[in-house]
Amino acid sequence: DGGIDAKLFQGDSLEPVAIVQCKAWNSRSVGVKPVRELLGVMAHHKIP
């Protein structure tokens, strides 16, 4: 998925306003590594 689980759009815009990443982790907390990776995906796709 390239680090993207969903893209969010406003109105009829073709450019996403946000990207969403999801983790159904119950036995451990989500650490900084996947959060940092999401920022990298935001930068790569120029999503704010």
All heavy atoms as atom14 arrays in JSON, in Angstrom:
{
  "sequence": "DGGIDAKLFQGDSLEPVAIVQCKAWNSRSVGVKPVRELLGVMAHHKIP",
  "atom14_mask": [
    [1, 1, 1, 1, 1, 1, 1, 1, 0, 0, 0, 0, 0, 0],
    [1, 1, 1, 1, 0, 0, 0, 0, 0, 0, 0, 0, 0, 0],
    [1, 1, 1, 1, 0, 0, 0, 0, 0, 0, 0, 0, 0, 0],
    [1, 1, 1, 1, 1, 1, 1, 1, 0, 0, 0, 0, 0, 0],
    [1, 1, 1, 1, 1, 1, 1, 1, 0, 0, 0, 0, 0, 0],
    [1, 1, 1, 1, 1, 0, 0, 0, 0, 0, 0, 0, 0, 0],
    [1, 1, 1, 1, 1, 1, 1, 1, 1, 0, 0, 0, 0, 0],
    [1, 1, 1, 1, 1, 1, 1, 1, 0, 0, 0, 0, 0, 0],
    [1, 1, 1, 1, 1, 1, 1, 1, 1, 1, 1, 0, 0, 0],
    [1, 1, 1, 1, 1, 1, 1, 1, 1, 0, 0, 0, 0, 0],
    [1, 1, 1, 1, 0, 0, 0, 0, 0, 0, 0, 0, 0, 0],
    [1, 1, 1, 1, 1, 1, 1, 1, 0, 0, 0, 0, 0, 0],
    [1, 1, 1, 1, 1, 1, 0, 0, 0, 0, 0, 0, 0, 0],
    [1, 1, 1, 1, 1, 1, 1, 1, 0, 0, 0, 0, 0, 0],
    [1, 1, 1, 1, 1, 1, 1, 1, 1, 0, 0, 0, 0, 0],
    [1, 1, 1, 1, 1, 1, 1, 0, 0, 0, 0, 0, 0, 0],
    [1, 1, 1, 1, 1, 1, 1, 0, 0, 0, 0, 0, 0, 0],
    [1, 1, 1, 1, 1, 0, 0, 0, 0, 0, 0, 0, 0, 0],
    [1, 1, 1, 1, 1, 1, 1, 1, 0, 0, 0, 0, 0, 0],
    [1, 1, 1, 1, 1, 1, 1, 0, 0, 0, 0, 0, 0, 0],
    [1, 1, 1, 1, 1, 1, 1, 1, 1, 0, 0, 0, 0, 0],
    [1, 1, 1, 1, 1, 1, 0, 0, 0, 0, 0, 0, 0, 0],
    [1, 1, 1, 1, 1, 1, 1, 1, 1, 0, 0, 0, 0, 0],
    [1, 1, 1, 1, 1, 0, 0, 0, 0, 0, 0, 0, 0, 0],
    [1, 1, 1, 1, 1, 1, 1, 1, 1, 1, 1, 1, 1, 1],
    [1, 1, 1, 1, 1, 1, 1, 1, 0, 0, 0, 0, 0, 0],
    [1, 1, 1, 1, 1, 1, 0, 0, 0, 0, 0, 0, 0, 0],
    [1, 1, 1, 1, 1, 1, 1, 1, 1, 1, 1, 0, 0, 0],
    [1, 1, 1, 1, 1, 1, 0, 0, 0, 0, 0, 0, 0, 0],
    [1, 1, 1, 1, 1, 1, 1, 0, 0, 0, 0, 0, 0, 0],
    [1, 1, 1, 1, 0, 0, 0, 0, 0, 0, 0, 0, 0, 0],
    [1, 1, 1, 1, 1, 1, 1, 0, 0, 0, 0, 0, 0, 0],
    [1, 1, 1, 1, 1, 1, 1, 1, 1, 0, 0, 0, 0, 0],
    [1, 1, 1, 1, 1, 1, 1, 0, 0, 0, 0, 0, 0, 0],
    [1, 1, 1, 1, 1, 1, 1, 0, 0, 0, 0, 0, 0, 0],
    [1, 1, 1, 1, 1, 1, 1, 1, 1, 1, 1, 0, 0, 0],
    [1, 1, 1, 1, 1, 1, 1, 1, 1, 0, 0, 0, 0, 0],
    [1, 1, 1, 1, 1, 1, 1, 1, 0, 0, 0, 0, 0, 0],
    [1, 1, 1, 1, 1, 1, 1, 1, 0, 0, 0, 0, 0, 0],
    [1, 1, 1, 1, 0, 0, 0, 0, 0, 0, 0, 0, 0, 0],
    [1, 1, 1, 1, 1, 1, 1, 0, 0, 0, 0, 0, 0, 0],
    [1, 1, 1, 1, 1, 1, 1, 1, 0, 0, 0, 0, 0, 0],
    [1, 1, 1, 1, 1, 0, 0, 0, 0, 0, 0, 0, 0, 0],
    [1, 1, 1, 1, 1, 1, 1, 1, 1, 1, 0, 0, 0, 0],
    [1, 1, 1, 1, 1, 1, 1, 1, 1, 1, 0, 0, 0, 0],
    [1, 1, 1, 1, 1, 1, 1, 1, 1, 0, 0, 0, 0, 0],
    [1, 1, 1, 1, 1, 1, 1, 1, 0, 0, 0, 0, 0, 0],
    [1, 1, 1, 1, 1, 1, 1, 0, 0, 0, 0, 0, 0, 0]
  ],
  "atom14_positions": [
    [[0.81, -1.22, 0.0], [0.0, 0.0, 0.0], [0.85, 1.27, 0.0], [0.32, 2.38, -0.02], [-0.99, 0.02, 1.17], [-0.29, -0.02, 2.53], [0.91, 0.3, 2.59], [-0.96, -0.36, 3.52], [0.0, 0.0, 0.0], [0.0, 0.0, 0.0], [0.0, 0.0, 0.0], [0.0, 0.0, 0.0], [0.0, 0.0, 0.0], [0.0, 0.0, 0.0]],
    [[2.17, 1.11, 0.03], [3.03, 2.28, 0.02], [2.87, 3.16, 1.23], [3.15, 4.35, 1.19], [0.0, 0.0, 0.0], [0.0, 0.0, 0.0], [0.0, 0.0, 0.0], [0.0, 0.0, 0.0], [0.0, 0.0, 0.0], [0.0, 0.0, 0.0], [0.0, 0.0, 0.0], [0.0, 0.0, 0.0], [0.0, 0.0, 0.0], [0.0, 0.0, 0.0]],
    [[2.41, 2.59, 2.35], [2.24, 3.36, 3.58], [0.96, 4.16, 3.62], [0.81, 5.04, 4.47], [0.0, 0.0, 0.0], [0.0, 0.0, 0.0], [0.0, 0.0, 0.0], [0.0, 0.0, 0.0], [0.0, 0.0, 0.0], [0.0, 0.0, 0.0], [0.0, 0.0, 0.0], [0.0, 0.0, 0.0], [0.0, 0.0, 0.0], [0.0, 0.0, 0.0]],
    [[0.03, 3.9, 2.72], [-1.25, 4.61, 2.69], [-2.38, 3.59, 2.75], [-2.44, 2.67, 1.95], [-1.4, 5.45, 1.4], [-0.27, 6.48, 1.27], [-2.75, 6.15, 1.37], [-0.27, 7.21, -0.05], [0.0, 0.0, 0.0], [0.0, 0.0, 0.0], [0.0, 0.0, 0.0], [0.0, 0.0, 0.0], [0.0, 0.0, 0.0], [0.0, 0.0, 0.0]],
    [[-3.28, 3.75, 3.71], [-4.45, 2.87, 3.78], [-5.69, 3.54, 3.19], [-6.6, 2.88, 2.71], [-4.72, 2.46, 5.23], [-3.63, 1.53, 5.76], [-3.1, 0.72, 4.97], [-3.3, 1.63, 6.95], [0.0, 0.0, 0.0], [0.0, 0.0, 0.0], [0.0, 0.0, 0.0], [0.0, 0.0, 0.0], [0.0, 0.0, 0.0], [0.0, 0.0, 0.0]],
    [[-5.73, 4.86, 3.26], [-6.84, 5.6, 2.65], [-6.38, 7.01, 2.3], [-5.49, 7.56, 2.94], [-8.03, 5.67, 3.62], [0.0, 0.0, 0.0], [0.0, 0.0, 0.0], [0.0, 0.0, 0.0], [0.0, 0.0, 0.0], [0.0, 0.0, 0.0], [0.0, 0.0, 0.0], [0.0, 0.0, 0.0], [0.0, 0.0, 0.0], [0.0, 0.0, 0.0]],
    [[-6.99, 7.57, 1.26], [-6.78, 8.95, 0.88], [-8.07, 9.71, 1.1], [-9.16, 9.2, 0.8], [-6.36, 9.06, -0.59], [-5.02, 8.42, -0.92], [-4.71, 8.54, -2.41], [-3.39, 7.88, -2.75], [-3.09, 7.97, -4.22], [0.0, 0.0, 0.0], [0.0, 0.0, 0.0], [0.0, 0.0, 0.0], [0.0, 0.0, 0.0], [0.0, 0.0, 0.0]],
    [[-7.97, 10.92, 1.63], [-9.14, 11.74, 1.9], [-9.16, 12.94, 0.96], [-8.14, 13.6, 0.77], [-9.13, 12.21, 3.36], [-9.05, 11.11, 4.43], [-9.08, 11.74, 5.82], [-10.17, 10.1, 4.27], [0.0, 0.0, 0.0], [0.0, 0.0, 0.0], [0.0, 0.0, 0.0], [0.0, 0.0, 0.0], [0.0, 0.0, 0.0], [0.0, 0.0, 0.0]],
    [[-10.34, 13.21, 0.4], [-10.51, 14.31, -0.55], [-11.65, 15.2, -0.09], [-12.61, 14.75, 0.54], [-10.84, 13.77, -1.94], [-9.83, 12.82, -2.51], [-9.85, 11.47, -2.16], [-8.87, 13.26, -3.4], [-8.92, 10.59, -2.68], [-7.94, 12.39, -3.93], [-7.96, 11.05, -3.57], [0.0, 0.0, 0.0], [0.0, 0.0, 0.0], [0.0, 0.0, 0.0]],
    [[-11.56, 16.49, -0.45], [-12.62, 17.44, -0.13], [-13.34, 17.82, -1.41], [-12.69, 18.16, -2.41], [-12.04, 18.68, 0.53], [-12.87, 19.22, 1.66], [-12.02, 19.98, 2.67], [-10.91, 20.38, 2.37], [-12.57, 20.17, 3.86], [0.0, 0.0, 0.0], [0.0, 0.0, 0.0], [0.0, 0.0, 0.0], [0.0, 0.0, 0.0], [0.0, 0.0, 0.0]],
    [[-14.66, 17.7, -1.4], [-15.44, 18.07, -2.58], [-15.05, 17.26, -3.8], [-14.86, 16.04, -3.72], [0.0, 0.0, 0.0], [0.0, 0.0, 0.0], [0.0, 0.0, 0.0], [0.0, 0.0, 0.0], [0.0, 0.0, 0.0], [0.0, 0.0, 0.0], [0.0, 0.0, 0.0], [0.0, 0.0, 0.0], [0.0, 0.0, 0.0], [0.0, 0.0, 0.0]],
    [[-14.9, 17.92, -4.93], [-14.55, 17.24, -6.18], [-13.05, 17.27, -6.47], [-12.62, 16.92, -7.57], [-15.3, 17.89, -7.36], [-16.8, 17.72, -7.23], [-17.22, 16.66, -6.71], [-17.55, 18.62, -7.64], [0.0, 0.0, 0.0], [0.0, 0.0, 0.0], [0.0, 0.0, 0.0], [0.0, 0.0, 0.0], [0.0, 0.0, 0.0], [0.0, 0.0, 0.0]],
    [[-12.28, 17.72, -5.51], [-10.84, 17.84, -5.71], [-10.21, 16.49, -6.07], [-10.58, 15.45, -5.52], [-10.17, 18.39, -4.46], [-8.76, 18.35, -4.59], [0.0, 0.0, 0.0], [0.0, 0.0, 0.0], [0.0, 0.0, 0.0], [0.0, 0.0, 0.0], [0.0, 0.0, 0.0], [0.0, 0.0, 0.0], [0.0, 0.0, 0.0], [0.0, 0.0, 0.0]],
    [[-9.25, 16.52, -6.99], [-8.53, 15.3, -7.36], [-7.29, 15.11, -6.5], [-6.67, 14.04, -6.55], [-8.12, 15.37, -8.85], [-9.28, 15.47, -9.85], [-8.73, 15.6, -11.27], [-10.2, 14.26, -9.74], [0.0, 0.0, 0.0], [0.0, 0.0, 0.0], [0.0, 0.0, 0.0], [0.0, 0.0, 0.0], [0.0, 0.0, 0.0], [0.0, 0.0, 0.0]],
    [[-6.93, 16.13, -5.73], [-5.75, 16.05, -4.87], [-6.18, 15.77, -3.44], [-7.0, 16.49, -2.88], [-4.96, 17.37, -4.93], [-4.43, 17.72, -6.31], [-3.44, 16.68, -6.81], [-2.68, 16.14, -5.99], [-3.45, 16.41, -8.03], [0.0, 0.0, 0.0], [0.0, 0.0, 0.0], [0.0, 0.0, 0.0], [0.0, 0.0, 0.0], [0.0, 0.0, 0.0]],
    [[-5.63, 14.72, -2.82], [-6.02, 14.41, -1.45], [-5.59, 15.49, -0.46], [-4.52, 16.09, -0.62], [-5.3, 13.08, -1.17], [-4.21, 13.0, -2.17], [-4.66, 13.77, -3.36], [0.0, 0.0, 0.0], [0.0, 0.0, 0.0], [0.0, 0.0, 0.0], [0.0, 0.0, 0.0], [0.0, 0.0, 0.0], [0.0, 0.0, 0.0], [0.0, 0.0, 0.0]],
    [[-6.44, 15.73, 0.53], [-6.1, 16.69, 1.58], [-5.38, 16.0, 2.73], [-4.71, 16.65, 3.54], [-7.36, 17.4, 2.12], [-7.97, 18.28, 1.04], [-8.38, 16.41, 2.66], [0.0, 0.0, 0.0], [0.0, 0.0, 0.0], [0.0, 0.0, 0.0], [0.0, 0.0, 0.0], [0.0, 0.0, 0.0], [0.0, 0.0, 0.0], [0.0, 0.0, 0.0]],
    [[-5.5, 14.68, 2.79], [-4.84, 13.93, 3.86], [-4.73, 12.47, 3.46], [-5.46, 11.98, 2.6], [-5.62, 14.05, 5.17], [0.0, 0.0, 0.0], [0.0, 0.0, 0.0], [0.0, 0.0, 0.0], [0.0, 0.0, 0.0], [0.0, 0.0, 0.0], [0.0, 0.0, 0.0], [0.0, 0.0, 0.0], [0.0, 0.0, 0.0], [0.0, 0.0, 0.0]],
    [[-3.78, 11.78, 4.09], [-3.69, 10.33, 3.95], [-3.84, 9.7, 5.33], [-3.52, 10.32, 6.34], [-2.36, 9.89, 3.29], [-1.16, 10.45, 4.05], [-2.34, 10.28, 1.84], [0.18, 9.93, 3.52], [0.0, 0.0, 0.0], [0.0, 0.0, 0.0], [0.0, 0.0, 0.0], [0.0, 0.0, 0.0], [0.0, 0.0, 0.0], [0.0, 0.0, 0.0]],
    [[-4.34, 8.49, 5.34], [-4.62, 7.79, 6.59], [-3.85, 6.48, 6.62], [-3.82, 5.74, 5.63], [-6.13, 7.49, 6.74], [-6.42, 6.82, 8.08], [-6.95, 8.77, 6.58], [0.0, 0.0, 0.0], [0.0, 0.0, 0.0], [0.0, 0.0, 0.0], [0.0, 0.0, 0.0], [0.0, 0.0, 0.0], [0.0, 0.0, 0.0], [0.0, 0.0, 0.0]],
    [[-3.22, 6.22, 7.75], [-2.59, 4.92, 8.0], [-3.24, 4.33, 9.24], [-3.55, 5.05, 10.2], [-1.09, 5.09, 8.22], [-0.32, 3.8, 8.52], [-0.25, 2.86, 7.33], [-1.25, 2.28, 6.93], [0.93, 2.69, 6.77], [0.0, 0.0, 0.0], [0.0, 0.0, 0.0], [0.0, 0.0, 0.0], [0.0, 0.0, 0.0], [0.0, 0.0, 0.0]],
    [[-3.5, 3.02, 9.22], [-4.21, 2.36, 10.33], [-3.38, 1.2, 10.87], [-2.74, 0.48, 10.1], [-5.56, 1.82, 9.86], [-6.65, 3.04, 9.12], [0.0, 0.0, 0.0], [0.0, 0.0, 0.0], [0.0, 0.0, 0.0], [0.0, 0.0, 0.0], [0.0, 0.0, 0.0], [0.0, 0.0, 0.0], [0.0, 0.0, 0.0], [0.0, 0.0, 0.0]],
    [[-3.43, 1.01, 12.18], [-2.81, -0.15, 12.8], [-3.75, -0.72, 13.85], [-4.07, -0.06, 14.83], [-1.48, 0.21, 13.47], [-0.35, 0.56, 12.51], [0.11, -0.63, 11.72], [1.29, -0.28, 10.81], [1.57, -1.34, 9.82], [0.0, 0.0, 0.0], [0.0, 0.0, 0.0], [0.0, 0.0, 0.0], [0.0, 0.0, 0.0], [0.0, 0.0, 0.0]],
    [[-4.18, -1.95, 13.64], [-5.01, -2.64, 14.63], [-4.08, -3.42, 15.56], [-4.08, -4.64, 15.59], [-6.02, -3.57, 13.95], [0.0, 0.0, 0.0], [0.0, 0.0, 0.0], [0.0, 0.0, 0.0], [0.0, 0.0, 0.0], [0.0, 0.0, 0.0], [0.0, 0.0, 0.0], [0.0, 0.0, 0.0], [0.0, 0.0, 0.0], [0.0, 0.0, 0.0]],
    [[-3.26, -2.68, 16.28], [-2.32, -3.28, 17.23], [-2.88, -3.12, 18.64], [-3.04, -2.01, 19.12], [-0.96, -2.58, 17.15], [-0.18, -2.89, 15.92], [-0.52, -3.75, 14.91], [1.1, -2.35, 15.57], [0.47, -3.76, 13.95], [1.47, -2.92, 14.33], [1.95, -1.42, 16.18], [2.67, -2.6, 13.69], [3.14, -1.11, 15.54], [3.51, -1.7, 14.32]],
    [[-3.13, -4.24, 19.29], [-3.66, -4.2, 20.64], [-2.63, -4.62, 21.68], [-2.69, -4.2, 22.84], [-4.89, -5.11, 20.76], [-6.0, -4.69, 19.8], [-6.14, -3.51, 19.5], [-6.77, -5.65, 19.31], [0.0, 0.0, 0.0], [0.0, 0.0, 0.0], [0.0, 0.0, 0.0], [0.0, 0.0, 0.0], [0.0, 0.0, 0.0], [0.0, 0.0, 0.0]],
    [[-1.68, -5.45, 21.27], [-0.73, -6.0, 22.24], [0.49, -5.1, 22.42], [1.29, -5.32, 23.31], [-0.29, -7.4, 21.81], [0.29, -7.38, 20.53], [0.0, 0.0, 0.0], [0.0, 0.0, 0.0], [0.0, 0.0, 0.0], [0.0, 0.0, 0.0], [0.0, 0.0, 0.0], [0.0, 0.0, 0.0], [0.0, 0.0, 0.0], [0.0, 0.0, 0.0]],
    [[0.64, -4.09, 21.56], [1.76, -3.16, 21.73], [1.36, -1.79, 21.18], [0.48, -1.68, 20.33], [3.01, -3.67, 21.03], [2.93, -3.7, 19.51], [4.21, -4.36, 18.98], [4.38, -4.19, 17.54], [3.87, -4.99, 16.62], [3.11, -6.02, 17.0], [4.1, -4.81, 15.35], [0.0, 0.0, 0.0], [0.0, 0.0, 0.0], [0.0, 0.0, 0.0]],
    [[2.02, -0.76, 21.69], [1.74, 0.6, 21.24], [2.43, 0.85, 19.91], [3.43, 0.23, 19.57], [2.24, 1.61, 22.28], [1.55, 1.45, 23.5], [0.0, 0.0, 0.0], [0.0, 0.0, 0.0], [0.0, 0.0, 0.0], [0.0, 0.0, 0.0], [0.0, 0.0, 0.0], [0.0, 0.0, 0.0], [0.0, 0.0, 0.0], [0.0, 0.0, 0.0]],
    [[1.88, 1.8, 19.15], [2.49, 2.22, 17.9], [3.63, 3.18, 18.23], [3.42, 4.21, 18.88], [1.46, 2.91, 16.97], [2.15, 3.39, 15.69], [0.32, 1.96, 16.65], [0.0, 0.0, 0.0], [0.0, 0.0, 0.0], [0.0, 0.0, 0.0], [0.0, 0.0, 0.0], [0.0, 0.0, 0.0], [0.0, 0.0, 0.0], [0.0, 0.0, 0.0]],
    [[4.83, 2.85, 17.8], [6.0, 3.66, 18.1], [6.26, 4.72, 17.06], [5.49, 4.92, 16.12], [0.0, 0.0, 0.0], [0.0, 0.0, 0.0], [0.0, 0.0, 0.0], [0.0, 0.0, 0.0], [0.0, 0.0, 0.0], [0.0, 0.0, 0.0], [0.0, 0.0, 0.0], [0.0, 0.0, 0.0], [0.0, 0.0, 0.0], [0.0, 0.0, 0.0]],
    [[7.38, 5.4, 17.21], [7.69, 6.54, 16.35], [8.03, 6.1, 14.92], [7.81, 6.86, 13.97], [8.83, 7.38, 16.96], [10.17, 6.65, 16.88], [8.92, 8.75, 16.28], [0.0, 0.0, 0.0], [0.0, 0.0, 0.0], [0.0, 0.0, 0.0], [0.0, 0.0, 0.0], [0.0, 0.0, 0.0], [0.0, 0.0, 0.0], [0.0, 0.0, 0.0]],
    [[8.55, 4.88, 14.73], [9.01, 4.46, 13.41], [7.88, 4.52, 12.37], [8.04, 5.14, 11.32], [9.63, 3.07, 13.47], [10.19, 2.57, 12.13], [10.92, 1.24, 12.31], [11.52, 0.77, 11.0], [10.49, 0.28, 10.07], [0.0, 0.0, 0.0], [0.0, 0.0, 0.0], [0.0, 0.0, 0.0], [0.0, 0.0, 0.0], [0.0, 0.0, 0.0]],
    [[6.72, 3.86, 12.58], [5.65, 3.94, 11.57], [5.1, 5.35, 11.4], [4.65, 5.73, 10.31], [4.59, 2.96, 12.08], [4.9, 2.7, 13.5], [6.37, 2.91, 13.66], [0.0, 0.0, 0.0], [0.0, 0.0, 0.0], [0.0, 0.0, 0.0], [0.0, 0.0, 0.0], [0.0, 0.0, 0.0], [0.0, 0.0, 0.0], [0.0, 0.0, 0.0]],
    [[5.14, 6.16, 12.47], [4.67, 7.54, 12.36], [5.63, 8.35, 11.5], [5.22, 9.14, 10.65], [4.52, 8.18, 13.77], [4.08, 9.64, 13.66], [3.5, 7.39, 14.6], [0.0, 0.0, 0.0], [0.0, 0.0, 0.0], [0.0, 0.0, 0.0], [0.0, 0.0, 0.0], [0.0, 0.0, 0.0], [0.0, 0.0, 0.0], [0.0, 0.0, 0.0]],
    [[6.92, 8.13, 11.69], [7.93, 8.8, 10.87], [7.81, 8.36, 9.4], [7.96, 9.18, 8.49], [9.33, 8.48, 11.4], [10.43, 9.3, 10.75], [11.79, 8.93, 11.28], [11.99, 9.38, 12.65], [12.23, 8.57, 13.68], [12.28, 7.27, 13.52], [12.43, 9.08, 14.89], [0.0, 0.0, 0.0], [0.0, 0.0, 0.0], [0.0, 0.0, 0.0]],
    [[7.49, 7.09, 9.19], [7.32, 6.59, 7.83], [6.13, 7.26, 7.15], [6.16, 7.56, 5.95], [7.15, 5.07, 7.85], [8.44, 4.33, 8.18], [8.23, 2.85, 8.44], [7.05, 2.41, 8.53], [9.23, 2.12, 8.56], [0.0, 0.0, 0.0], [0.0, 0.0, 0.0], [0.0, 0.0, 0.0], [0.0, 0.0, 0.0], [0.0, 0.0, 0.0]],
    [[5.06, 7.49, 7.92], [3.89, 8.18, 7.35], [4.27, 9.6, 6.92], [3.84, 10.07, 5.86], [2.75, 8.22, 8.37], [1.47, 8.93, 7.91], [0.88, 8.27, 6.68], [0.44, 8.96, 9.04], [0.0, 0.0, 0.0], [0.0, 0.0, 0.0], [0.0, 0.0, 0.0], [0.0, 0.0, 0.0], [0.0, 0.0, 0.0], [0.0, 0.0, 0.0]],
    [[5.09, 10.28, 7.71], [5.54, 11.62, 7.33], [6.33, 11.56, 6.02], [6.18, 12.43, 5.15], [6.4, 12.22, 8.44], [6.95, 13.62, 8.16], [5.81, 14.64, 8.05], [7.94, 14.05, 9.24], [0.0, 0.0, 0.0], [0.0, 0.0, 0.0], [0.0, 0.0, 0.0], [0.0, 0.0, 0.0], [0.0, 0.0, 0.0], [0.0, 0.0, 0.0]],
    [[7.15, 10.52, 5.85], [7.89, 10.35, 4.62], [6.98, 10.18, 3.41], [7.24, 10.73, 2.33], [0.0, 0.0, 0.0], [0.0, 0.0, 0.0], [0.0, 0.0, 0.0], [0.0, 0.0, 0.0], [0.0, 0.0, 0.0], [0.0, 0.0, 0.0], [0.0, 0.0, 0.0], [0.0, 0.0, 0.0], [0.0, 0.0, 0.0], [0.0, 0.0, 0.0]],
    [[5.89, 9.45, 3.6], [4.92, 9.25, 2.51], [4.22, 10.58, 2.2], [4.01, 10.91, 1.02], [3.89, 8.17, 2.89], [2.82, 8.04, 1.81], [4.57, 6.83, 3.11], [0.0, 0.0, 0.0], [0.0, 0.0, 0.0], [0.0, 0.0, 0.0], [0.0, 0.0, 0.0], [0.0, 0.0, 0.0], [0.0, 0.0, 0.0], [0.0, 0.0, 0.0]],
    [[3.89, 11.33, 3.23], [3.28, 12.65, 3.03], [4.19, 13.54, 2.18], [3.74, 14.19, 1.24], [3.0, 13.32, 4.38], [1.91, 12.71, 5.2], [1.99, 13.26, 6.96], [1.95, 15.05, 6.78], [0.0, 0.0, 0.0], [0.0, 0.0, 0.0], [0.0, 0.0, 0.0], [0.0, 0.0, 0.0], [0.0, 0.0, 0.0], [0.0, 0.0, 0.0]],
    [[5.46, 13.55, 2.53], [6.42, 14.39, 1.8], [6.57, 13.91, 0.36], [6.61, 14.73, -0.57], [7.77, 14.37, 2.52], [0.0, 0.0, 0.0], [0.0, 0.0, 0.0], [0.0, 0.0, 0.0], [0.0, 0.0, 0.0], [0.0, 0.0, 0.0], [0.0, 0.0, 0.0], [0.0, 0.0, 0.0], [0.0, 0.0, 0.0], [0.0, 0.0, 0.0]],
    [[6.65, 12.6, 0.18], [6.85, 12.04, -1.16], [5.68, 12.39, -2.08], [5.88, 12.72, -3.26], [7.01, 10.52, -1.07], [7.16, 9.85, -2.4], [8.3, 9.95, -3.16], [6.29, 9.09, -3.13], [8.14, 9.27, -4.28], [6.93, 8.74, -4.29], [0.0, 0.0, 0.0], [0.0, 0.0, 0.0], [0.0, 0.0, 0.0], [0.0, 0.0, 0.0]],
    [[4.47, 12.3, -1.55], [3.28, 12.56, -2.37], [2.8, 14.02, -2.28], [1.77, 14.36, -2.86], [2.15, 11.62, -1.95], [2.39, 10.18, -2.28], [2.18, 9.66, -3.53], [2.86, 9.16, -1.51], [2.49, 8.36, -3.54], [2.91, 8.04, -2.32], [0.0, 0.0, 0.0], [0.0, 0.0, 0.0], [0.0, 0.0, 0.0], [0.0, 0.0, 0.0]],
    [[3.54, 14.82, -1.51], [3.19, 16.25, -1.32], [1.77, 16.41, -0.79], [0.97, 17.22, -1.3], [3.38, 17.03, -2.63], [4.83, 17.04, -3.13], [4.96, 17.86, -4.41], [6.42, 18.04, -4.8], [7.14, 16.75, -5.01], [0.0, 0.0, 0.0], [0.0, 0.0, 0.0], [0.0, 0.0, 0.0], [0.0, 0.0, 0.0], [0.0, 0.0, 0.0]],
    [[1.45, 15.62, 0.22], [0.13, 15.67, 0.87], [0.3, 16.38, 2.21], [1.17, 16.0, 3.01], [-0.45, 14.26, 1.04], [-0.7, 13.64, -0.34], [-1.75, 14.3, 1.84], [-1.12, 12.19, -0.32], [0.0, 0.0, 0.0], [0.0, 0.0, 0.0], [0.0, 0.0, 0.0], [0.0, 0.0, 0.0], [0.0, 0.0, 0.0], [0.0, 0.0, 0.0]],
    [[-0.52, 17.41, 2.47], [-0.25, 18.27, 3.62], [-0.52, 17.68, 4.99], [0.04, 18.15, 5.98], [-1.18, 19.48, 3.38], [-2.28, 18.94, 2.51], [-1.63, 17.9, 1.65], [0.0, 0.0, 0.0], [0.0, 0.0, 0.0], [0.0, 0.0, 0.0], [0.0, 0.0, 0.0], [0.0, 0.0, 0.0], [0.0, 0.0, 0.0], [0.0, 0.0, 0.0]]
  ]
}
